[in-house]
N, C-alpha and C. Protein backbone atom coordinates (compact mmCIF):
# COMPACT_ATOMS: atom_id res chain seq x y z
N MET A 1 -6.92 35.65 -55.93
CA MET A 1 -6.69 34.23 -55.68
C MET A 1 -6.62 34.02 -54.17
N LYS A 2 -7.40 33.09 -53.67
CA LYS A 2 -7.40 32.77 -52.25
C LYS A 2 -6.36 31.69 -51.96
N VAL A 3 -5.48 31.95 -51.02
CA VAL A 3 -4.43 31.00 -50.66
C VAL A 3 -4.87 30.22 -49.43
N PRO A 4 -4.86 28.87 -49.49
CA PRO A 4 -5.23 28.09 -48.31
C PRO A 4 -4.33 28.42 -47.12
N LYS A 5 -4.91 28.41 -45.90
CA LYS A 5 -4.15 28.78 -44.71
C LYS A 5 -3.09 27.76 -44.34
N THR A 6 -3.25 26.50 -44.72
CA THR A 6 -2.30 25.47 -44.33
C THR A 6 -1.20 25.24 -45.35
N VAL A 7 -1.26 25.92 -46.47
CA VAL A 7 -0.26 25.75 -47.52
C VAL A 7 0.30 27.13 -47.86
N TYR A 8 1.59 27.19 -48.14
CA TYR A 8 2.25 28.46 -48.45
C TYR A 8 2.74 28.42 -49.89
N TYR A 9 2.69 29.57 -50.54
CA TYR A 9 3.11 29.66 -51.93
C TYR A 9 3.94 30.92 -52.15
N ALA A 10 4.80 30.84 -53.13
CA ALA A 10 5.44 32.03 -53.68
C ALA A 10 4.74 32.25 -55.03
N PHE A 11 4.54 33.49 -55.40
CA PHE A 11 3.80 33.77 -56.63
C PHE A 11 4.60 34.69 -57.54
N ARG A 12 4.26 34.61 -58.82
CA ARG A 12 4.79 35.53 -59.81
C ARG A 12 3.62 35.99 -60.67
N HIS A 13 3.75 37.18 -61.21
CA HIS A 13 2.73 37.67 -62.15
C HIS A 13 2.99 37.05 -63.50
N SER A 14 1.96 36.58 -64.14
CA SER A 14 2.11 36.04 -65.49
C SER A 14 1.65 37.09 -66.49
N SER A 15 1.86 36.80 -67.76
CA SER A 15 1.46 37.75 -68.81
C SER A 15 -0.05 37.95 -68.83
N SER A 16 -0.79 36.99 -68.27
CA SER A 16 -2.26 37.13 -68.23
C SER A 16 -2.71 37.92 -66.99
N GLN A 17 -1.75 38.49 -66.25
CA GLN A 17 -2.03 39.30 -65.06
C GLN A 17 -2.63 38.49 -63.91
N THR A 18 -2.38 37.19 -63.92
CA THR A 18 -2.81 36.34 -62.81
C THR A 18 -1.58 35.92 -62.03
N LEU A 19 -1.81 35.57 -60.78
CA LEU A 19 -0.72 35.08 -59.95
C LEU A 19 -0.58 33.57 -60.14
N LYS A 20 0.64 33.12 -60.35
CA LYS A 20 0.91 31.69 -60.51
C LYS A 20 1.94 31.26 -59.49
N PRO A 21 1.73 30.10 -58.84
CA PRO A 21 2.70 29.64 -57.86
C PRO A 21 4.04 29.29 -58.52
N VAL A 22 5.12 29.57 -57.81
CA VAL A 22 6.46 29.23 -58.28
C VAL A 22 7.20 28.50 -57.16
N PRO A 23 8.20 27.70 -57.50
CA PRO A 23 8.99 27.02 -56.46
C PRO A 23 9.78 28.02 -55.63
N VAL A 24 10.15 27.59 -54.42
CA VAL A 24 11.04 28.38 -53.57
C VAL A 24 12.37 27.64 -53.47
N VAL A 25 13.42 28.38 -53.13
CA VAL A 25 14.77 27.83 -53.11
C VAL A 25 15.25 27.63 -51.67
N ALA A 26 15.83 26.46 -51.42
CA ALA A 26 16.40 26.14 -50.12
C ALA A 26 17.82 25.62 -50.32
N VAL A 27 18.53 25.50 -49.22
CA VAL A 27 19.88 24.93 -49.23
C VAL A 27 19.98 23.88 -48.13
N ASP A 28 20.82 22.88 -48.38
CA ASP A 28 21.11 21.85 -47.38
C ASP A 28 22.62 21.71 -47.26
N SER A 29 23.08 21.50 -46.02
CA SER A 29 24.51 21.44 -45.73
C SER A 29 24.88 20.03 -45.25
N ILE A 30 25.77 19.39 -45.97
CA ILE A 30 26.28 18.09 -45.57
C ILE A 30 27.62 18.35 -44.89
N VAL A 31 27.58 18.42 -43.56
CA VAL A 31 28.76 18.73 -42.76
C VAL A 31 29.42 17.41 -42.36
N LYS A 32 30.54 17.08 -43.00
CA LYS A 32 31.25 15.83 -42.69
C LYS A 32 32.49 16.13 -41.88
N SER A 33 32.76 15.25 -40.92
CA SER A 33 34.00 15.33 -40.16
C SER A 33 34.39 13.90 -39.77
N GLN A 34 35.51 13.77 -39.05
CA GLN A 34 35.92 12.44 -38.58
C GLN A 34 34.91 11.86 -37.60
N LYS A 35 34.12 12.71 -36.95
CA LYS A 35 33.10 12.25 -36.01
C LYS A 35 31.84 11.76 -36.71
N GLY A 36 31.69 12.06 -37.98
CA GLY A 36 30.51 11.67 -38.74
C GLY A 36 29.89 12.87 -39.44
N VAL A 37 28.64 12.71 -39.84
CA VAL A 37 27.90 13.79 -40.50
C VAL A 37 27.00 14.46 -39.46
N VAL A 38 26.89 15.77 -39.55
CA VAL A 38 26.08 16.53 -38.61
C VAL A 38 24.62 16.52 -39.07
N LEU A 39 23.73 16.14 -38.15
CA LEU A 39 22.30 16.18 -38.40
C LEU A 39 21.61 16.93 -37.27
N VAL A 40 20.46 17.52 -37.59
CA VAL A 40 19.67 18.23 -36.60
C VAL A 40 18.32 17.55 -36.46
N LYS A 41 17.80 17.52 -35.23
CA LYS A 41 16.45 17.00 -34.99
C LYS A 41 15.50 18.18 -35.02
N ARG A 42 14.52 18.12 -35.92
CA ARG A 42 13.62 19.24 -36.15
C ARG A 42 12.69 19.48 -34.96
N LYS A 43 12.52 20.75 -34.63
CA LYS A 43 11.65 21.16 -33.52
C LYS A 43 10.22 21.44 -34.01
N PHE A 44 10.08 21.76 -35.30
CA PHE A 44 8.79 22.17 -35.84
C PHE A 44 8.42 21.32 -37.05
N GLU A 45 7.11 21.34 -37.37
CA GLU A 45 6.63 20.69 -38.60
C GLU A 45 7.12 21.49 -39.80
N PRO A 46 7.27 20.89 -40.95
CA PRO A 46 7.07 19.47 -41.18
C PRO A 46 8.23 18.64 -40.64
N PHE A 47 7.96 17.38 -40.43
CA PHE A 47 8.96 16.42 -39.96
C PHE A 47 9.48 16.72 -38.55
N LYS A 48 8.61 17.24 -37.71
CA LYS A 48 8.97 17.48 -36.31
C LYS A 48 9.45 16.16 -35.69
N GLY A 49 10.61 16.20 -35.00
CA GLY A 49 11.17 15.02 -34.36
C GLY A 49 12.01 14.15 -35.28
N TYR A 50 12.08 14.48 -36.56
CA TYR A 50 12.89 13.74 -37.51
C TYR A 50 14.28 14.38 -37.60
N TRP A 51 15.26 13.59 -37.93
CA TRP A 51 16.61 14.10 -38.18
C TRP A 51 16.69 14.60 -39.62
N SER A 52 17.42 15.66 -39.82
CA SER A 52 17.60 16.20 -41.17
C SER A 52 18.94 16.92 -41.27
N LEU A 53 19.27 17.27 -42.48
CA LEU A 53 20.47 18.07 -42.71
C LEU A 53 20.22 19.50 -42.25
N PRO A 54 21.25 20.18 -41.76
CA PRO A 54 21.08 21.60 -41.50
C PRO A 54 20.78 22.32 -42.82
N GLY A 55 19.88 23.26 -42.77
CA GLY A 55 19.56 23.99 -44.00
C GLY A 55 18.30 24.79 -43.84
N GLY A 56 17.90 25.44 -44.91
CA GLY A 56 16.70 26.25 -44.88
C GLY A 56 16.55 27.08 -46.13
N PHE A 57 15.67 28.05 -46.04
CA PHE A 57 15.33 28.85 -47.21
C PHE A 57 16.34 29.97 -47.45
N VAL A 58 16.54 30.25 -48.72
CA VAL A 58 17.39 31.35 -49.14
C VAL A 58 16.58 32.64 -49.01
N ASN A 59 17.15 33.61 -48.33
CA ASN A 59 16.49 34.91 -48.18
C ASN A 59 16.52 35.68 -49.49
N TYR A 60 15.54 36.54 -49.68
CA TYR A 60 15.50 37.39 -50.86
C TYR A 60 16.78 38.23 -50.91
N GLY A 61 17.48 38.22 -52.04
CA GLY A 61 18.71 38.99 -52.20
C GLY A 61 19.96 38.29 -51.69
N GLU A 62 19.82 37.09 -51.16
CA GLU A 62 20.95 36.36 -50.58
C GLU A 62 21.48 35.34 -51.60
N LYS A 63 22.79 35.20 -51.67
CA LYS A 63 23.40 34.18 -52.52
C LYS A 63 23.23 32.81 -51.84
N VAL A 64 23.04 31.78 -52.64
CA VAL A 64 22.83 30.45 -52.06
C VAL A 64 24.03 29.99 -51.23
N GLU A 65 25.24 30.35 -51.64
CA GLU A 65 26.43 29.99 -50.88
C GLU A 65 26.43 30.64 -49.50
N ASP A 66 26.00 31.89 -49.43
CA ASP A 66 25.89 32.57 -48.14
C ASP A 66 24.78 31.96 -47.29
N ALA A 67 23.69 31.54 -47.94
CA ALA A 67 22.57 30.95 -47.21
C ALA A 67 22.95 29.64 -46.54
N VAL A 68 23.72 28.79 -47.22
CA VAL A 68 24.08 27.50 -46.61
C VAL A 68 25.02 27.70 -45.43
N ILE A 69 25.90 28.67 -45.51
CA ILE A 69 26.80 28.98 -44.38
C ILE A 69 25.99 29.54 -43.22
N ARG A 70 25.06 30.47 -43.51
CA ARG A 70 24.21 31.07 -42.48
C ARG A 70 23.32 30.04 -41.80
N GLU A 71 22.64 29.23 -42.59
CA GLU A 71 21.72 28.23 -42.03
C GLU A 71 22.46 27.20 -41.18
N THR A 72 23.64 26.78 -41.61
CA THR A 72 24.42 25.82 -40.84
C THR A 72 24.79 26.41 -39.49
N LYS A 73 25.24 27.65 -39.48
CA LYS A 73 25.60 28.33 -38.22
C LYS A 73 24.38 28.49 -37.31
N GLU A 74 23.25 28.93 -37.88
CA GLU A 74 22.04 29.14 -37.08
C GLU A 74 21.55 27.85 -36.43
N GLU A 75 21.61 26.74 -37.16
CA GLU A 75 21.03 25.49 -36.66
C GLU A 75 22.00 24.64 -35.85
N THR A 76 23.32 24.79 -36.07
CA THR A 76 24.28 23.89 -35.42
C THR A 76 25.32 24.59 -34.56
N GLY A 77 25.47 25.90 -34.70
CA GLY A 77 26.53 26.63 -34.00
C GLY A 77 27.88 26.51 -34.68
N LEU A 78 27.95 25.77 -35.78
CA LEU A 78 29.22 25.53 -36.46
C LEU A 78 29.43 26.50 -37.63
N LYS A 79 30.64 27.01 -37.71
CA LYS A 79 31.04 27.82 -38.85
C LYS A 79 31.62 26.86 -39.88
N VAL A 80 31.14 26.96 -41.13
CA VAL A 80 31.59 26.04 -42.17
C VAL A 80 32.05 26.81 -43.40
N ARG A 81 32.76 26.09 -44.24
CA ARG A 81 33.06 26.60 -45.58
C ARG A 81 32.63 25.53 -46.57
N ILE A 82 32.30 25.97 -47.74
CA ILE A 82 31.81 25.07 -48.78
C ILE A 82 32.99 24.35 -49.43
N LYS A 83 32.86 23.04 -49.56
CA LYS A 83 33.84 22.24 -50.29
C LYS A 83 33.40 22.04 -51.74
N LYS A 84 32.13 21.65 -51.90
CA LYS A 84 31.62 21.44 -53.26
C LYS A 84 30.10 21.35 -53.24
N MET A 85 29.51 21.58 -54.41
CA MET A 85 28.07 21.38 -54.55
C MET A 85 27.83 19.90 -54.82
N VAL A 86 26.89 19.31 -54.10
CA VAL A 86 26.55 17.90 -54.27
C VAL A 86 25.50 17.73 -55.35
N GLY A 87 24.54 18.64 -55.40
CA GLY A 87 23.51 18.54 -56.43
C GLY A 87 22.33 19.44 -56.16
N ILE A 88 21.43 19.45 -57.13
CA ILE A 88 20.18 20.18 -57.04
C ILE A 88 19.07 19.15 -56.93
N PHE A 89 18.22 19.30 -55.93
CA PHE A 89 17.18 18.31 -55.65
C PHE A 89 15.82 18.97 -55.80
N ASP A 90 15.03 18.43 -56.73
CA ASP A 90 13.77 19.08 -57.07
C ASP A 90 12.58 18.13 -57.08
N ILE A 91 12.62 17.12 -56.21
CA ILE A 91 11.45 16.26 -56.07
C ILE A 91 10.30 17.16 -55.63
N VAL A 92 9.24 17.19 -56.42
CA VAL A 92 8.16 18.15 -56.19
C VAL A 92 7.56 18.01 -54.79
N LYS A 93 7.43 16.84 -54.27
CA LYS A 93 6.79 16.63 -52.96
C LYS A 93 7.81 16.48 -51.83
N ARG A 94 9.02 16.98 -51.98
CA ARG A 94 10.05 16.83 -50.94
C ARG A 94 9.68 17.57 -49.66
N ASP A 95 8.87 18.61 -49.78
CA ASP A 95 8.38 19.38 -48.64
C ASP A 95 6.86 19.46 -48.78
N PRO A 96 6.12 18.99 -47.76
CA PRO A 96 4.66 18.97 -47.90
C PRO A 96 4.01 20.36 -47.94
N ARG A 97 4.75 21.41 -47.62
CA ARG A 97 4.18 22.76 -47.61
C ARG A 97 4.10 23.39 -48.98
N TRP A 98 5.11 23.12 -49.81
CA TRP A 98 5.20 23.79 -51.11
C TRP A 98 6.25 23.11 -51.97
N HIS A 99 6.39 23.60 -53.18
CA HIS A 99 7.39 23.06 -54.11
C HIS A 99 8.72 23.73 -53.80
N VAL A 100 9.67 22.94 -53.29
CA VAL A 100 10.97 23.46 -52.88
C VAL A 100 12.07 22.84 -53.73
N ILE A 101 12.93 23.66 -54.26
CA ILE A 101 14.13 23.21 -54.95
C ILE A 101 15.28 23.46 -54.01
N SER A 102 16.04 22.40 -53.68
CA SER A 102 17.15 22.55 -52.74
C SER A 102 18.48 22.34 -53.45
N ILE A 103 19.43 23.17 -53.08
CA ILE A 103 20.81 23.04 -53.55
C ILE A 103 21.62 22.55 -52.36
N ALA A 104 22.21 21.36 -52.50
CA ALA A 104 22.96 20.75 -51.39
C ALA A 104 24.46 20.93 -51.61
N TYR A 105 25.12 21.28 -50.51
CA TYR A 105 26.57 21.49 -50.53
C TYR A 105 27.23 20.60 -49.49
N GLN A 106 28.40 20.07 -49.83
CA GLN A 106 29.24 19.44 -48.82
C GLN A 106 30.07 20.55 -48.20
N THR A 107 30.06 20.60 -46.88
CA THR A 107 30.78 21.66 -46.16
C THR A 107 31.72 21.04 -45.14
N GLU A 108 32.65 21.85 -44.67
CA GLU A 108 33.56 21.39 -43.63
C GLU A 108 33.62 22.42 -42.52
N ILE A 109 33.84 21.94 -41.31
CA ILE A 109 33.86 22.79 -40.12
C ILE A 109 35.16 23.60 -40.09
N VAL A 110 35.01 24.92 -39.86
CA VAL A 110 36.19 25.78 -39.73
C VAL A 110 36.17 26.54 -38.40
N GLY A 111 35.14 26.30 -37.59
CA GLY A 111 35.06 26.98 -36.30
C GLY A 111 33.72 26.74 -35.63
N GLY A 112 33.54 27.39 -34.49
CA GLY A 112 32.29 27.27 -33.75
C GLY A 112 32.27 26.06 -32.84
N LYS A 113 31.17 25.94 -32.12
CA LYS A 113 30.97 24.82 -31.20
C LYS A 113 29.58 24.26 -31.45
N ILE A 114 29.49 22.94 -31.57
CA ILE A 114 28.20 22.32 -31.88
C ILE A 114 27.20 22.60 -30.77
N SER A 115 26.08 23.20 -31.18
CA SER A 115 25.04 23.63 -30.24
C SER A 115 23.74 23.82 -31.01
N PRO A 116 22.62 23.27 -30.52
CA PRO A 116 21.37 23.41 -31.27
C PRO A 116 20.87 24.85 -31.31
N GLY A 117 20.43 25.27 -32.47
CA GLY A 117 19.85 26.60 -32.62
C GLY A 117 18.39 26.60 -32.20
N ASP A 118 17.74 27.74 -32.36
CA ASP A 118 16.36 27.93 -31.93
C ASP A 118 15.36 27.03 -32.65
N GLU A 119 15.66 26.63 -33.87
CA GLU A 119 14.70 25.86 -34.67
C GLU A 119 14.89 24.35 -34.59
N VAL A 120 15.86 23.90 -33.78
CA VAL A 120 16.12 22.46 -33.70
C VAL A 120 16.13 22.00 -32.24
N GLU A 121 15.74 20.74 -32.03
CA GLU A 121 15.76 20.16 -30.68
C GLU A 121 17.15 19.71 -30.29
N GLU A 122 17.84 19.05 -31.23
CA GLU A 122 19.16 18.49 -30.97
C GLU A 122 20.02 18.62 -32.22
N VAL A 123 21.31 18.55 -32.00
CA VAL A 123 22.27 18.48 -33.10
C VAL A 123 23.36 17.51 -32.67
N ASP A 124 23.77 16.64 -33.61
CA ASP A 124 24.77 15.64 -33.24
C ASP A 124 25.47 15.11 -34.49
N PHE A 125 26.58 14.41 -34.25
CA PHE A 125 27.33 13.74 -35.30
C PHE A 125 26.81 12.30 -35.42
N PHE A 126 26.72 11.80 -36.65
CA PHE A 126 26.26 10.44 -36.91
C PHE A 126 27.22 9.72 -37.84
N LYS A 127 27.73 8.57 -37.39
CA LYS A 127 28.49 7.70 -38.29
C LYS A 127 27.55 6.76 -39.03
N LYS A 128 26.46 6.38 -38.34
CA LYS A 128 25.40 5.57 -38.95
C LYS A 128 24.14 6.44 -39.00
N LEU A 129 23.53 6.51 -40.17
CA LEU A 129 22.38 7.39 -40.35
C LEU A 129 21.15 6.85 -39.60
N PRO A 130 20.39 7.74 -38.97
CA PRO A 130 19.18 7.32 -38.27
C PRO A 130 18.10 6.90 -39.27
N SER A 131 17.17 6.07 -38.82
CA SER A 131 16.11 5.61 -39.72
C SER A 131 15.04 6.67 -39.93
N LYS A 132 14.88 7.57 -39.00
CA LYS A 132 13.83 8.60 -39.05
C LYS A 132 14.42 9.90 -39.62
N MET A 133 14.46 9.98 -40.96
CA MET A 133 15.03 11.15 -41.63
C MET A 133 13.92 11.91 -42.36
N GLY A 134 13.98 13.25 -42.29
CA GLY A 134 12.99 14.09 -42.93
C GLY A 134 13.33 14.46 -44.36
N PHE A 135 12.30 14.95 -45.04
CA PHE A 135 12.42 15.43 -46.42
C PHE A 135 13.02 14.34 -47.31
N ASP A 136 13.87 14.72 -48.25
CA ASP A 136 14.57 13.76 -49.12
C ASP A 136 16.05 13.69 -48.73
N HIS A 137 16.34 13.94 -47.47
CA HIS A 137 17.73 14.07 -47.03
C HIS A 137 18.51 12.76 -47.10
N LEU A 138 17.83 11.64 -47.01
CA LEU A 138 18.52 10.36 -47.20
C LEU A 138 19.01 10.24 -48.64
N VAL A 139 18.20 10.69 -49.59
CA VAL A 139 18.59 10.70 -51.00
C VAL A 139 19.82 11.58 -51.20
N ILE A 140 19.80 12.76 -50.58
CA ILE A 140 20.93 13.69 -50.71
C ILE A 140 22.20 13.08 -50.11
N LEU A 141 22.07 12.48 -48.92
CA LEU A 141 23.24 11.87 -48.28
C LEU A 141 23.79 10.71 -49.09
N ARG A 142 22.92 9.93 -49.70
CA ARG A 142 23.37 8.82 -50.56
C ARG A 142 24.15 9.36 -51.76
N LYS A 143 23.66 10.44 -52.35
CA LYS A 143 24.36 11.03 -53.49
C LYS A 143 25.73 11.56 -53.06
N ALA A 144 25.83 11.99 -51.80
CA ALA A 144 27.10 12.50 -51.28
C ALA A 144 28.04 11.37 -50.83
N GLY A 145 27.59 10.12 -50.99
CA GLY A 145 28.47 8.98 -50.66
C GLY A 145 28.27 8.38 -49.29
N MET A 146 27.22 8.82 -48.56
CA MET A 146 26.96 8.25 -47.23
C MET A 146 26.13 6.98 -47.37
N LYS A 147 26.39 6.03 -46.51
CA LYS A 147 25.62 4.76 -46.55
C LYS A 147 24.73 4.63 -45.37
């Protein structure tokens, strides 16, 4: 099977011995504080220059809870702990690269200093959500009670 260069897939072997694409798993972190919700401005495509929730892909062998803590630290400099799961988001076209299923968690800051990681241009607190949001993160924030 030839995989297009501009699209990425995860595959599994089927009983017919062919490779079939499967969804990949990501996590999103809703970091709330008295200063607002933490958002990152993306440095790379997709959604370069858009604000989004801190998050990313779950590594092979990694628990989703560990992934959301790791991704939040990598992208924001903040150490967080999980308060609760907000939901599972599986809009097929949420990421233009592939089919991504995201598990979103509400988290709270327990340490660190806000600082943009290597994959983001900026990181900041928002009391009012920006109009230029990537992925389905506005949907996730609405489900978490943000207006």
